[in-house]
Amino acid sequence: MDGAQILRLLFLLIVANGAPILGKRLLGAAFARPVDGGARFLDGRPLFGAAKTWRGLLLAVLAAALCAPLVGLPLSLGARLGAFAMAGDLFSSFVKRRLGLATSSRAPGLDQIPEALVPLLAIASPAALGAAEIVIVTALFFFGSQALSRLMFDLRVRERPF
């Protein structure tokens, strides 16, 4: 188990998941087109919700790709991690809408685990990740993202402290 690799991956997960939040803060509503285009699922609820935008997806992929070489990882691995982090985020949003939870509502575990686990599984082979590393990084992301979320709220980057 490589501690440096764990920290590199944790950093990229934070970058990928934080880029859409920072983008919203800096750009407001500019270029914020919902991924689901306002579509509704069979239950009549939004597919993902208006908060999941193409801008956020693009920023996550770009930020993770550009930051990957800074920590000694290939740009393509960063892009893949960013894309799958957003796939995990969309999955979370889809489930939350099915549960009747409002956009941006809090769902501990559901808000963090797919956003870390899905991308780690997607890069496991090229990054030579073992099960232990995947579990450790996912757990660190789960706990760390809650602390970082509060910090981002205090710094007025996030609108809510979670």
N, C-alpha and C. Protein backbone atom coordinates (compact mmCIF):
# COMPACT_ATOMS: atom_id res chain seq x y z
N MET A 1 0.85 -1.18 0.00
CA MET A 1 0.00 0.00 0.00
C MET A 1 0.90 1.24 0.00
N ASP A 2 0.68 2.09 -0.96
CA ASP A 2 1.50 3.28 -1.15
C ASP A 2 0.78 4.52 -0.61
N GLY A 3 1.29 5.06 0.50
CA GLY A 3 0.67 6.23 1.13
C GLY A 3 0.65 7.44 0.23
N ALA A 4 1.72 7.62 -0.57
CA ALA A 4 1.76 8.76 -1.48
C ALA A 4 0.69 8.64 -2.56
N GLN A 5 0.48 7.42 -3.05
CA GLN A 5 -0.56 7.20 -4.06
C GLN A 5 -1.94 7.51 -3.49
N ILE A 6 -2.16 7.11 -2.25
CA ILE A 6 -3.44 7.38 -1.58
C ILE A 6 -3.67 8.89 -1.51
N LEU A 7 -2.66 9.64 -1.14
CA LEU A 7 -2.80 11.10 -1.05
C LEU A 7 -3.01 11.75 -2.41
N ARG A 8 -2.31 11.23 -3.44
CA ARG A 8 -2.51 11.77 -4.80
C ARG A 8 -3.95 11.58 -5.26
N LEU A 9 -4.46 10.38 -5.04
CA LEU A 9 -5.83 10.09 -5.47
C LEU A 9 -6.86 10.87 -4.67
N LEU A 10 -6.62 11.00 -3.39
CA LEU A 10 -7.52 11.79 -2.55
C LEU A 10 -7.53 13.25 -3.02
N PHE A 11 -6.37 13.78 -3.33
CA PHE A 11 -6.27 15.15 -3.85
C PHE A 11 -7.07 15.30 -5.13
N LEU A 12 -6.92 14.36 -6.07
CA LEU A 12 -7.64 14.45 -7.34
C LEU A 12 -9.16 14.33 -7.15
N LEU A 13 -9.57 13.49 -6.22
CA LEU A 13 -11.01 13.38 -5.94
C LEU A 13 -11.56 14.70 -5.39
N ILE A 14 -10.80 15.33 -4.53
CA ILE A 14 -11.21 16.62 -3.97
C ILE A 14 -11.27 17.67 -5.08
N VAL A 15 -10.28 17.67 -5.95
CA VAL A 15 -10.27 18.62 -7.07
C VAL A 15 -11.47 18.40 -7.97
N ALA A 16 -11.69 17.14 -8.37
CA ALA A 16 -12.80 16.83 -9.29
C ALA A 16 -14.14 17.20 -8.68
N ASN A 17 -14.35 16.86 -7.44
CA ASN A 17 -15.65 17.12 -6.81
C ASN A 17 -15.81 18.57 -6.37
N GLY A 18 -14.70 19.27 -6.18
CA GLY A 18 -14.77 20.67 -5.78
C GLY A 18 -14.86 21.64 -6.95
N ALA A 19 -14.39 21.22 -8.12
CA ALA A 19 -14.39 22.12 -9.29
C ALA A 19 -15.78 22.63 -9.65
N PRO A 20 -16.82 21.79 -9.68
CA PRO A 20 -18.15 22.32 -10.01
C PRO A 20 -18.66 23.34 -8.98
N ILE A 21 -18.33 23.13 -7.72
CA ILE A 21 -18.76 24.05 -6.66
C ILE A 21 -18.05 25.39 -6.83
N LEU A 22 -16.75 25.33 -7.06
CA LEU A 22 -15.98 26.56 -7.28
C LEU A 22 -16.44 27.26 -8.55
N GLY A 23 -16.71 26.48 -9.59
CA GLY A 23 -17.20 27.05 -10.84
C GLY A 23 -18.52 27.78 -10.66
N LYS A 24 -19.41 27.21 -9.87
CA LYS A 24 -20.70 27.86 -9.60
C LYS A 24 -20.48 29.17 -8.86
N ARG A 25 -19.57 29.16 -7.92
CA ARG A 25 -19.30 30.36 -7.12
C ARG A 25 -18.70 31.46 -7.99
N LEU A 26 -17.80 31.09 -8.89
CA LEU A 26 -17.12 32.08 -9.72
C LEU A 26 -17.95 32.53 -10.92
N LEU A 27 -18.74 31.62 -11.48
CA LEU A 27 -19.45 31.91 -12.72
C LEU A 27 -20.94 32.15 -12.55
N GLY A 28 -21.46 31.89 -11.35
CA GLY A 28 -22.89 32.07 -11.13
C GLY A 28 -23.70 31.15 -12.03
N ALA A 29 -24.62 31.73 -12.76
CA ALA A 29 -25.48 30.93 -13.65
C ALA A 29 -24.92 30.81 -15.06
N ALA A 30 -23.81 31.48 -15.34
CA ALA A 30 -23.24 31.45 -16.69
C ALA A 30 -22.86 30.04 -17.09
N PHE A 31 -23.28 29.64 -18.25
CA PHE A 31 -22.96 28.33 -18.84
C PHE A 31 -23.50 27.15 -18.05
N ALA A 32 -24.43 27.39 -17.15
CA ALA A 32 -24.97 26.33 -16.29
C ALA A 32 -26.20 25.71 -16.94
N ARG A 33 -25.98 24.75 -17.79
CA ARG A 33 -27.07 24.04 -18.46
C ARG A 33 -27.25 22.69 -17.79
N PRO A 34 -28.45 22.38 -17.30
CA PRO A 34 -28.66 21.10 -16.62
C PRO A 34 -28.37 19.90 -17.52
N VAL A 35 -27.69 18.92 -16.96
CA VAL A 35 -27.38 17.69 -17.70
C VAL A 35 -28.66 17.01 -18.17
N ASP A 36 -29.67 17.02 -17.34
CA ASP A 36 -30.91 16.32 -17.69
C ASP A 36 -31.84 17.16 -18.56
N GLY A 37 -31.47 18.41 -18.82
CA GLY A 37 -32.28 19.27 -19.67
C GLY A 37 -33.69 19.49 -19.14
N GLY A 38 -33.88 19.27 -17.85
CA GLY A 38 -35.20 19.44 -17.25
C GLY A 38 -36.08 18.20 -17.37
N ALA A 39 -35.51 17.10 -17.87
CA ALA A 39 -36.29 15.86 -18.06
C ALA A 39 -36.75 15.30 -16.72
N ARG A 40 -37.85 14.62 -16.76
CA ARG A 40 -38.41 13.97 -15.57
C ARG A 40 -38.40 12.47 -15.76
N PHE A 41 -38.23 11.75 -14.66
CA PHE A 41 -38.23 10.30 -14.68
C PHE A 41 -39.66 9.79 -14.60
N LEU A 42 -39.86 8.51 -14.61
CA LEU A 42 -41.19 7.90 -14.57
C LEU A 42 -42.00 8.33 -13.35
N ASP A 43 -41.31 8.66 -12.26
CA ASP A 43 -41.99 9.08 -11.03
C ASP A 43 -42.39 10.56 -11.05
N GLY A 44 -42.09 11.24 -12.15
CA GLY A 44 -42.45 12.66 -12.27
C GLY A 44 -41.43 13.61 -11.68
N ARG A 45 -40.44 13.08 -11.02
CA ARG A 45 -39.40 13.92 -10.42
C ARG A 45 -38.27 14.14 -11.43
N PRO A 46 -37.48 15.21 -11.22
CA PRO A 46 -36.35 15.45 -12.13
C PRO A 46 -35.42 14.24 -12.19
N LEU A 47 -34.82 14.03 -13.34
CA LEU A 47 -33.88 12.93 -13.51
C LEU A 47 -32.69 13.11 -12.56
N PHE A 48 -32.03 14.29 -12.62
CA PHE A 48 -30.92 14.60 -11.72
C PHE A 48 -31.16 15.88 -10.93
N GLY A 49 -31.78 16.86 -11.56
CA GLY A 49 -32.00 18.15 -10.94
C GLY A 49 -31.17 19.23 -11.61
N ALA A 50 -31.59 20.46 -11.44
CA ALA A 50 -30.97 21.60 -12.11
C ALA A 50 -29.54 21.88 -11.65
N ALA A 51 -29.16 21.38 -10.48
CA ALA A 51 -27.81 21.66 -9.96
C ALA A 51 -26.72 20.86 -10.67
N LYS A 52 -27.09 19.82 -11.39
CA LYS A 52 -26.10 19.01 -12.12
C LYS A 52 -26.00 19.55 -13.54
N THR A 53 -24.90 20.27 -13.81
CA THR A 53 -24.76 20.98 -15.08
C THR A 53 -23.62 20.44 -15.92
N TRP A 54 -23.73 20.72 -17.21
CA TRP A 54 -22.65 20.37 -18.14
C TRP A 54 -21.39 21.15 -17.78
N ARG A 55 -21.55 22.38 -17.32
CA ARG A 55 -20.40 23.17 -16.89
C ARG A 55 -19.66 22.47 -15.75
N GLY A 56 -20.41 21.99 -14.76
CA GLY A 56 -19.79 21.29 -13.65
C GLY A 56 -19.07 20.03 -14.08
N LEU A 57 -19.68 19.27 -14.98
CA LEU A 57 -19.03 18.05 -15.48
C LEU A 57 -17.73 18.38 -16.19
N LEU A 58 -17.79 19.38 -17.06
CA LEU A 58 -16.60 19.77 -17.81
C LEU A 58 -15.50 20.28 -16.87
N LEU A 59 -15.87 21.11 -15.92
CA LEU A 59 -14.88 21.64 -14.98
C LEU A 59 -14.23 20.52 -14.16
N ALA A 60 -15.01 19.54 -13.74
CA ALA A 60 -14.47 18.43 -12.96
C ALA A 60 -13.45 17.64 -13.76
N VAL A 61 -13.78 17.33 -15.00
CA VAL A 61 -12.87 16.56 -15.85
C VAL A 61 -11.61 17.36 -16.14
N LEU A 62 -11.77 18.63 -16.51
CA LEU A 62 -10.61 19.48 -16.81
C LEU A 62 -9.72 19.69 -15.60
N ALA A 63 -10.32 20.00 -14.47
CA ALA A 63 -9.53 20.26 -13.26
C ALA A 63 -8.75 19.03 -12.84
N ALA A 64 -9.39 17.86 -12.83
CA ALA A 64 -8.69 16.64 -12.43
C ALA A 64 -7.60 16.29 -13.44
N ALA A 65 -7.88 16.49 -14.73
CA ALA A 65 -6.88 16.20 -15.76
C ALA A 65 -5.67 17.11 -15.62
N LEU A 66 -5.92 18.40 -15.43
CA LEU A 66 -4.82 19.36 -15.34
C LEU A 66 -4.02 19.23 -14.05
N CYS A 67 -4.67 18.78 -12.98
CA CYS A 67 -3.97 18.63 -11.70
C CYS A 67 -3.23 17.29 -11.59
N ALA A 68 -3.63 16.30 -12.36
CA ALA A 68 -2.99 14.99 -12.27
C ALA A 68 -1.47 15.06 -12.49
N PRO A 69 -0.98 15.74 -13.55
CA PRO A 69 0.47 15.82 -13.72
C PRO A 69 1.20 16.53 -12.58
N LEU A 70 0.49 17.40 -11.87
CA LEU A 70 1.10 18.11 -10.74
C LEU A 70 1.46 17.16 -9.61
N VAL A 71 0.77 16.01 -9.55
CA VAL A 71 1.06 15.01 -8.51
C VAL A 71 1.66 13.74 -9.10
N GLY A 72 2.18 13.85 -10.33
CA GLY A 72 2.89 12.73 -10.94
C GLY A 72 2.02 11.67 -11.58
N LEU A 73 0.79 12.00 -11.90
CA LEU A 73 -0.10 11.05 -12.56
C LEU A 73 -0.41 11.53 -13.97
N PRO A 74 -0.70 10.61 -14.88
CA PRO A 74 -1.00 11.01 -16.26
C PRO A 74 -2.27 11.86 -16.37
N LEU A 75 -2.23 12.81 -17.27
CA LEU A 75 -3.38 13.66 -17.54
C LEU A 75 -4.62 12.82 -17.85
N SER A 76 -4.44 11.77 -18.64
CA SER A 76 -5.58 10.92 -19.02
C SER A 76 -6.19 10.22 -17.82
N LEU A 77 -5.36 9.85 -16.84
CA LEU A 77 -5.89 9.21 -15.63
C LEU A 77 -6.71 10.22 -14.82
N GLY A 78 -6.23 11.46 -14.77
CA GLY A 78 -6.97 12.51 -14.08
C GLY A 78 -8.30 12.78 -14.74
N ALA A 79 -8.31 12.83 -16.07
CA ALA A 79 -9.55 13.06 -16.81
C ALA A 79 -10.54 11.93 -16.56
N ARG A 80 -10.04 10.72 -16.58
CA ARG A 80 -10.91 9.55 -16.34
C ARG A 80 -11.48 9.60 -14.92
N LEU A 81 -10.63 9.91 -13.95
CA LEU A 81 -11.09 10.01 -12.57
C LEU A 81 -12.16 11.10 -12.45
N GLY A 82 -11.93 12.25 -13.07
CA GLY A 82 -12.89 13.34 -13.01
C GLY A 82 -14.23 12.97 -13.64
N ALA A 83 -14.17 12.31 -14.79
CA ALA A 83 -15.41 11.91 -15.47
C ALA A 83 -16.20 10.91 -14.64
N PHE A 84 -15.51 9.95 -14.06
CA PHE A 84 -16.23 8.94 -13.27
C PHE A 84 -16.65 9.47 -11.90
N ALA A 85 -15.95 10.48 -11.38
CA ALA A 85 -16.41 11.12 -10.15
C ALA A 85 -17.76 11.79 -10.41
N MET A 86 -17.89 12.40 -11.58
CA MET A 86 -19.16 13.03 -11.93
C MET A 86 -20.23 11.99 -12.23
N ALA A 87 -19.85 10.84 -12.77
CA ALA A 87 -20.82 9.75 -12.96
C ALA A 87 -21.35 9.29 -11.61
N GLY A 88 -20.46 9.18 -10.63
CA GLY A 88 -20.88 8.82 -9.28
C GLY A 88 -21.78 9.88 -8.67
N ASP A 89 -21.47 11.14 -8.94
CA ASP A 89 -22.29 12.25 -8.44
C ASP A 89 -23.67 12.23 -9.08
N LEU A 90 -23.73 11.96 -10.38
CA LEU A 90 -25.03 11.87 -11.06
C LEU A 90 -25.85 10.70 -10.51
N PHE A 91 -25.18 9.59 -10.25
CA PHE A 91 -25.87 8.44 -9.65
C PHE A 91 -26.48 8.84 -8.31
N SER A 92 -25.70 9.52 -7.48
CA SER A 92 -26.20 9.98 -6.18
C SER A 92 -27.41 10.88 -6.34
N SER A 93 -27.33 11.81 -7.28
CA SER A 93 -28.45 12.73 -7.51
C SER A 93 -29.68 11.98 -8.00
N PHE A 94 -29.47 11.02 -8.88
CA PHE A 94 -30.59 10.23 -9.38
C PHE A 94 -31.29 9.50 -8.22
N VAL A 95 -30.51 8.87 -7.34
CA VAL A 95 -31.08 8.15 -6.20
C VAL A 95 -31.78 9.13 -5.25
N LYS A 96 -31.16 10.27 -4.99
CA LYS A 96 -31.78 11.25 -4.09
C LYS A 96 -33.11 11.76 -4.64
N ARG A 97 -33.19 11.95 -5.95
CA ARG A 97 -34.46 12.38 -6.54
C ARG A 97 -35.51 11.28 -6.39
N ARG A 98 -35.11 10.02 -6.55
CA ARG A 98 -36.05 8.92 -6.38
C ARG A 98 -36.54 8.81 -4.94
N LEU A 99 -35.69 9.21 -4.00
CA LEU A 99 -36.07 9.19 -2.59
C LEU A 99 -36.87 10.42 -2.19
N GLY A 100 -37.06 11.32 -3.14
CA GLY A 100 -37.84 12.53 -2.86
C GLY A 100 -37.05 13.62 -2.17
N LEU A 101 -35.73 13.50 -2.15
CA LEU A 101 -34.89 14.52 -1.50
C LEU A 101 -34.69 15.68 -2.46
N ALA A 102 -34.71 16.88 -1.94
CA ALA A 102 -34.55 18.09 -2.75
C ALA A 102 -33.13 18.21 -3.28
N THR A 103 -32.99 18.96 -4.37
CA THR A 103 -31.67 19.26 -4.92
C THR A 103 -30.80 19.89 -3.83
N SER A 104 -29.57 19.45 -3.75
CA SER A 104 -28.59 19.92 -2.77
C SER A 104 -28.91 19.54 -1.33
N SER A 105 -29.86 18.63 -1.13
CA SER A 105 -30.13 18.16 0.23
C SER A 105 -29.02 17.21 0.67
N ARG A 106 -28.90 17.04 1.95
CA ARG A 106 -27.82 16.23 2.52
C ARG A 106 -28.25 14.77 2.65
N ALA A 107 -27.35 13.88 2.23
CA ALA A 107 -27.56 12.44 2.38
C ALA A 107 -26.19 11.82 2.65
N PRO A 108 -25.75 11.84 3.93
CA PRO A 108 -24.42 11.32 4.25
C PRO A 108 -24.21 9.90 3.72
N GLY A 109 -23.06 9.69 3.15
CA GLY A 109 -22.74 8.41 2.53
C GLY A 109 -23.10 8.44 1.07
N LEU A 110 -24.35 8.68 0.77
CA LEU A 110 -24.80 8.76 -0.62
C LEU A 110 -24.16 9.95 -1.32
N ASP A 111 -23.88 11.01 -0.59
CA ASP A 111 -23.25 12.19 -1.18
C ASP A 111 -21.75 12.00 -1.43
N GLN A 112 -21.11 11.10 -0.72
CA GLN A 112 -19.66 10.97 -0.84
C GLN A 112 -19.18 9.65 -1.47
N ILE A 113 -19.77 8.56 -1.09
CA ILE A 113 -19.22 7.26 -1.48
C ILE A 113 -19.22 7.03 -2.99
N PRO A 114 -20.34 7.24 -3.71
CA PRO A 114 -20.26 7.03 -5.16
C PRO A 114 -19.28 7.97 -5.86
N GLU A 115 -19.13 9.19 -5.35
CA GLU A 115 -18.22 10.17 -5.95
C GLU A 115 -16.76 9.77 -5.80
N ALA A 116 -16.47 8.88 -4.87
CA ALA A 116 -15.10 8.39 -4.68
C ALA A 116 -14.96 6.96 -5.21
N LEU A 117 -15.89 6.10 -4.87
CA LEU A 117 -15.79 4.69 -5.23
C LEU A 117 -15.86 4.45 -6.74
N VAL A 118 -16.79 5.08 -7.41
CA VAL A 118 -16.94 4.86 -8.86
C VAL A 118 -15.66 5.25 -9.62
N PRO A 119 -15.09 6.43 -9.39
CA PRO A 119 -13.86 6.76 -10.12
C PRO A 119 -12.67 5.89 -9.73
N LEU A 120 -12.59 5.51 -8.47
CA LEU A 120 -11.48 4.65 -8.06
C LEU A 120 -11.57 3.28 -8.73
N LEU A 121 -12.78 2.75 -8.84
CA LEU A 121 -12.95 1.48 -9.55
C LEU A 121 -12.62 1.64 -11.03
N ALA A 122 -12.95 2.79 -11.60
CA ALA A 122 -12.70 3.04 -13.02
C ALA A 122 -11.22 3.15 -13.34
N ILE A 123 -10.42 3.59 -12.38
CA ILE A 123 -8.97 3.74 -12.64
C ILE A 123 -8.15 2.65 -11.93
N ALA A 124 -8.81 1.70 -11.30
CA ALA A 124 -8.10 0.68 -10.52
C ALA A 124 -7.02 -0.04 -11.33
N SER A 125 -7.34 -0.46 -12.51
CA SER A 125 -6.36 -1.20 -13.31
C SER A 125 -5.20 -0.32 -13.76
N PRO A 126 -5.45 0.81 -14.45
CA PRO A 126 -4.31 1.62 -14.88
C PRO A 126 -3.50 2.22 -13.73
N ALA A 127 -4.12 2.43 -12.58
CA ALA A 127 -3.40 2.99 -11.43
C ALA A 127 -2.88 1.91 -10.50
N ALA A 128 -3.10 0.65 -10.86
CA ALA A 128 -2.66 -0.50 -10.05
C ALA A 128 -3.14 -0.39 -8.61
N LEU A 129 -4.44 -0.11 -8.46
CA LEU A 129 -5.02 0.02 -7.12
C LEU A 129 -5.54 -1.33 -6.64
N GLY A 130 -5.26 -1.61 -5.38
CA GLY A 130 -5.81 -2.79 -4.75
C GLY A 130 -7.06 -2.43 -3.98
N ALA A 131 -7.76 -3.44 -3.51
CA ALA A 131 -9.00 -3.23 -2.77
C ALA A 131 -8.76 -2.39 -1.52
N ALA A 132 -7.66 -2.63 -0.83
CA ALA A 132 -7.39 -1.88 0.40
C ALA A 132 -7.22 -0.39 0.11
N GLU A 133 -6.51 -0.07 -0.96
CA GLU A 133 -6.31 1.34 -1.31
C GLU A 133 -7.64 2.00 -1.68
N ILE A 134 -8.47 1.28 -2.41
CA ILE A 134 -9.77 1.82 -2.79
C ILE A 134 -10.62 2.11 -1.56
N VAL A 135 -10.63 1.17 -0.62
CA VAL A 135 -11.41 1.36 0.61
C VAL A 135 -10.85 2.51 1.43
N ILE A 136 -9.55 2.60 1.56
CA ILE A 136 -8.92 3.67 2.35
C ILE A 136 -9.20 5.04 1.74
N VAL A 137 -9.00 5.18 0.44
CA VAL A 137 -9.23 6.48 -0.20
C VAL A 137 -10.70 6.86 -0.12
N THR A 138 -11.59 5.90 -0.32
CA THR A 138 -13.02 6.18 -0.22
C THR A 138 -13.38 6.64 1.19
N ALA A 139 -12.85 5.96 2.20
CA ALA A 139 -13.13 6.34 3.59
C ALA A 139 -12.56 7.72 3.91
N LEU A 140 -11.34 7.99 3.46
CA LEU A 140 -10.75 9.31 3.70
C LEU A 140 -11.55 10.40 3.00
N PHE A 141 -12.02 10.11 1.80
CA PHE A 141 -12.84 11.08 1.08
C PHE A 141 -14.17 11.31 1.81
N PHE A 142 -14.77 10.24 2.30
CA PHE A 142 -16.03 10.35 3.02
C PHE A 142 -15.90 11.31 4.21
N PHE A 143 -14.90 11.08 5.03
CA PHE A 143 -14.73 11.91 6.23
C PHE A 143 -14.14 13.28 5.89
N GLY A 144 -13.17 13.30 5.00
CA GLY A 144 -12.52 14.56 4.65
C GLY A 144 -13.42 15.52 3.92
N SER A 145 -14.28 15.00 3.06
CA SER A 145 -15.16 15.90 2.30
C SER A 145 -16.16 16.61 3.20
N GLN A 146 -16.54 15.97 4.27
CA GLN A 146 -17.46 16.62 5.21
C GLN A 146 -16.78 17.79 5.91
N ALA A 147 -15.51 17.61 6.28
CA ALA A 147 -14.76 18.69 6.90
C ALA A 147 -14.47 19.81 5.89
N LEU A 148 -14.09 19.42 4.68
CA LEU A 148 -13.81 20.43 3.65
C LEU A 148 -15.07 21.19 3.26
N SER A 149 -16.19 20.52 3.26
CA SER A 149 -17.44 21.17 2.93
C SER A 149 -17.74 22.29 3.92
N ARG A 150 -17.50 22.02 5.18
CA ARG A 150 -17.71 23.04 6.21
C ARG A 150 -16.75 24.22 6.01
N LEU A 151 -15.50 23.91 5.70
CA LEU A 151 -14.51 24.95 5.45
C LEU A 151 -14.92 25.79 4.24
N MET A 152 -15.37 25.14 3.17
CA MET A 152 -15.79 25.87 1.97
C MET A 152 -17.01 26.74 2.26
N PHE A 153 -17.88 26.30 3.16
CA PHE A 153 -19.01 27.12 3.57
C PHE A 153 -18.51 28.35 4.34
N ASP A 154 -17.58 28.12 5.28
CA ASP A 154 -17.04 29.23 6.06
C ASP A 154 -16.32 30.26 5.19
N LEU A 155 -15.70 29.77 4.10
CA LEU A 155 -15.00 30.66 3.16
C LEU A 155 -15.95 31.26 2.12
N ARG A 156 -17.23 30.93 2.24
CA ARG A 156 -18.29 31.41 1.37
C ARG A 156 -18.16 30.93 -0.08
N VAL A 157 -17.59 29.74 -0.22
CA VAL A 157 -17.54 29.10 -1.53
C VAL A 157 -18.81 28.27 -1.72
N ARG A 158 -19.22 27.59 -0.68
CA ARG A 158 -20.47 26.81 -0.69
C ARG A 158 -21.60 27.61 -0.09
N GLU A 159 -22.81 27.33 -0.56
CA GLU A 159 -23.99 28.00 -0.02
C GLU A 159 -24.49 27.34 1.24
N ARG A 160 -24.17 26.05 1.43
CA ARG A 160 -24.59 25.28 2.60
C ARG A 160 -23.37 24.59 3.20
N PRO A 161 -23.38 24.32 4.50
CA PRO A 161 -22.20 23.73 5.14
C PRO A 161 -22.07 22.22 4.96
N PHE A 162 -22.64 21.64 3.92
CA PHE A 162 -22.49 20.21 3.67
C PHE A 162 -22.37 19.94 2.20
